[in-house]
Amino acid sequence: DMFRSVVCAAFVLLAGSAAAEQVTLDRALELVNTQHPLLRAGAAGVDAATAGILTASHYPNPRTQVMAGRFTGPGLANPAPVPLWVLEQPLELGRLRPTRIQLAERGRDSSEFFLEEVRLGVLSQVRRA
């Protein structure tokens, strides 16, 4: 299957980098634990989810908008350009921010569980190989 092929390819790459080194089971597990692409991707997912907590804990940034145009209407003989500048600051009322932080923390927890599941799968494949 595809997973077994990825594990075998990882062993070939790791064995090539280890030159003529004898690879024991403990060494193979250590190498896979630090070098396997699925585990690296899972760790990157945990890092991204951790950054999401930081993002969720910050207040939203203000937004600005500039518009200009000619406005006409009843009683205006000569339409003139009218500039308009808008500054918005979103307000977070109630439990919006704490709820957003909790959701980000649960996303990180989910990423950590997924990483551990992938780690167990990869290491069990190495032990079987």
Protein backbone atom coordinates (compact mmCIF):
# COMPACT_ATOMS: atom_id res chain seq x y z
CA ASP A 1 0.00 0.00 0.00
CA MET A 2 0.97 3.68 -0.29
CA PHE A 3 1.89 4.12 3.37
CA ARG A 4 4.30 1.16 3.31
CA SER A 5 5.91 2.59 0.16
CA VAL A 6 6.45 5.94 1.87
CA VAL A 7 8.02 4.22 4.89
CA CYS A 8 10.31 2.14 2.65
CA ALA A 9 11.32 5.23 0.66
CA ALA A 10 12.10 7.04 3.91
CA PHE A 11 14.29 4.14 5.00
CA VAL A 12 16.15 4.20 1.70
CA LEU A 13 16.79 7.92 2.03
CA LEU A 14 17.79 7.61 5.65
CA ALA A 15 20.01 4.63 4.94
CA GLY A 16 21.71 6.56 2.14
CA SER A 17 22.45 9.44 4.49
CA ALA A 18 23.70 7.07 7.16
CA ALA A 19 26.28 5.64 4.70
CA ALA A 20 27.49 2.24 5.93
CA GLU A 21 26.05 2.63 9.41
CA GLN A 22 24.35 -0.44 10.88
CA VAL A 23 20.75 0.55 11.60
CA THR A 24 19.24 -1.02 14.68
CA LEU A 25 15.55 -0.86 15.48
CA ASP A 26 16.12 1.84 18.09
CA ARG A 27 18.19 3.90 15.63
CA ALA A 28 15.56 3.42 12.91
CA LEU A 29 12.81 4.59 15.26
CA GLU A 30 14.89 7.60 16.26
CA LEU A 31 15.61 8.51 12.62
CA VAL A 32 11.99 8.14 11.59
CA ASN A 33 10.84 10.14 14.61
CA THR A 34 13.03 13.09 13.60
CA GLN A 35 13.08 12.83 9.79
CA HIS A 36 9.79 11.37 8.54
CA PRO A 37 7.90 13.84 6.30
CA LEU A 38 4.47 12.97 7.74
CA LEU A 39 5.71 13.66 11.25
CA ARG A 40 7.31 16.92 10.15
CA ALA A 41 4.05 17.95 8.49
CA GLY A 42 2.12 17.09 11.62
CA ALA A 43 4.51 19.14 13.76
CA ALA A 44 4.08 22.06 11.36
CA GLY A 45 0.31 21.72 11.80
CA VAL A 46 0.70 21.95 15.57
CA ASP A 47 2.89 25.04 15.15
CA ALA A 48 0.28 26.65 12.90
CA ALA A 49 -2.49 25.89 15.40
CA THR A 50 -0.38 27.40 18.19
CA ALA A 51 0.05 30.55 16.09
CA GLY A 52 -3.73 30.56 15.66
CA ILE A 53 -4.11 30.93 19.44
CA LEU A 54 -1.90 34.01 19.37
CA THR A 55 -3.89 35.45 16.49
CA ALA A 56 -7.19 34.73 18.23
CA SER A 57 -6.06 36.49 21.40
CA HIS A 58 -5.36 39.79 19.64
CA TYR A 59 -7.99 42.44 19.12
CA PRO A 60 -9.09 43.08 15.53
CA ASN A 61 -7.29 45.82 13.62
CA PRO A 62 -9.05 49.01 12.65
CA ARG A 63 -9.93 49.43 8.98
CA THR A 64 -9.86 52.59 6.92
CA GLN A 65 -11.53 53.44 3.65
CA VAL A 66 -11.30 56.45 1.34
CA MET A 67 -13.89 57.25 -1.30
CA ALA A 68 -14.50 60.22 -3.58
CA GLY A 69 -17.09 60.95 -6.18
CA ARG A 70 -19.59 63.43 -7.57
CA PHE A 71 -22.87 63.44 -5.76
CA THR A 72 -25.94 64.92 -7.37
CA GLY A 73 -29.40 65.35 -6.15
CA PRO A 74 -32.34 67.73 -6.00
CA GLY A 75 -31.22 71.28 -5.29
CA LEU A 76 -27.60 70.75 -6.41
CA ALA A 77 -26.98 72.73 -9.57
CA ASN A 78 -23.27 71.93 -9.93
CA PRO A 79 -22.19 68.54 -8.64
CA ALA A 80 -18.87 68.79 -6.83
CA PRO A 81 -16.42 66.09 -5.80
CA VAL A 82 -17.06 65.02 -2.24
CA PRO A 83 -14.30 63.04 -0.48
CA LEU A 84 -15.28 60.58 2.22
CA TRP A 85 -12.93 58.98 4.72
CA VAL A 86 -14.15 56.16 6.99
CA LEU A 87 -12.35 54.64 9.98
CA GLU A 88 -13.87 51.51 11.53
CA GLN A 89 -12.91 49.80 14.77
CA PRO A 90 -14.81 46.56 15.29
CA LEU A 91 -16.02 46.10 18.87
CA GLU A 92 -16.04 42.68 20.43
CA LEU A 93 -18.86 42.51 22.92
CA GLY A 94 -19.69 39.66 25.24
CA ARG A 95 -17.80 36.39 25.04
CA LEU A 96 -16.66 36.63 21.42
CA ARG A 97 -12.92 36.91 22.08
CA PRO A 98 -12.67 34.24 24.83
CA THR A 99 -14.74 31.89 22.67
CA ARG A 100 -12.45 32.51 19.70
CA ILE A 101 -9.42 31.74 21.89
CA GLN A 102 -11.02 28.53 23.19
CA LEU A 103 -11.77 27.44 19.64
CA ALA A 104 -8.14 28.04 18.64
CA GLU A 105 -6.93 26.05 21.68
CA ARG A 106 -9.17 23.15 20.70
CA GLY A 107 -7.77 23.33 17.19
CA ARG A 108 -4.27 23.00 18.62
CA ASP A 109 -5.36 20.06 20.79
CA SER A 110 -6.84 18.40 17.72
CA SER A 111 -3.59 18.92 15.80
CA GLU A 112 -1.61 17.38 18.65
CA PHE A 113 -3.91 14.33 18.75
CA PHE A 114 -3.58 13.94 14.98
CA LEU A 115 0.22 14.19 15.19
CA GLU A 116 0.30 11.51 17.89
CA GLU A 117 -1.95 9.25 15.80
CA VAL A 118 0.32 9.66 12.77
CA ARG A 119 3.40 9.07 14.94
CA LEU A 120 1.98 5.82 16.31
CA GLY A 121 1.09 4.65 12.79
CA VAL A 122 4.53 5.45 11.38
CA LEU A 123 6.42 3.90 14.28
CA SER A 124 4.30 0.74 14.17
CA GLN A 125 5.04 0.41 10.43
CA VAL A 126 8.74 0.75 11.16
CA ARG A 127 8.57 -1.96 13.80
CA ARG A 128 6.81 -4.28 11.33
CA ALA A 129 9.28 -3.65 8.51
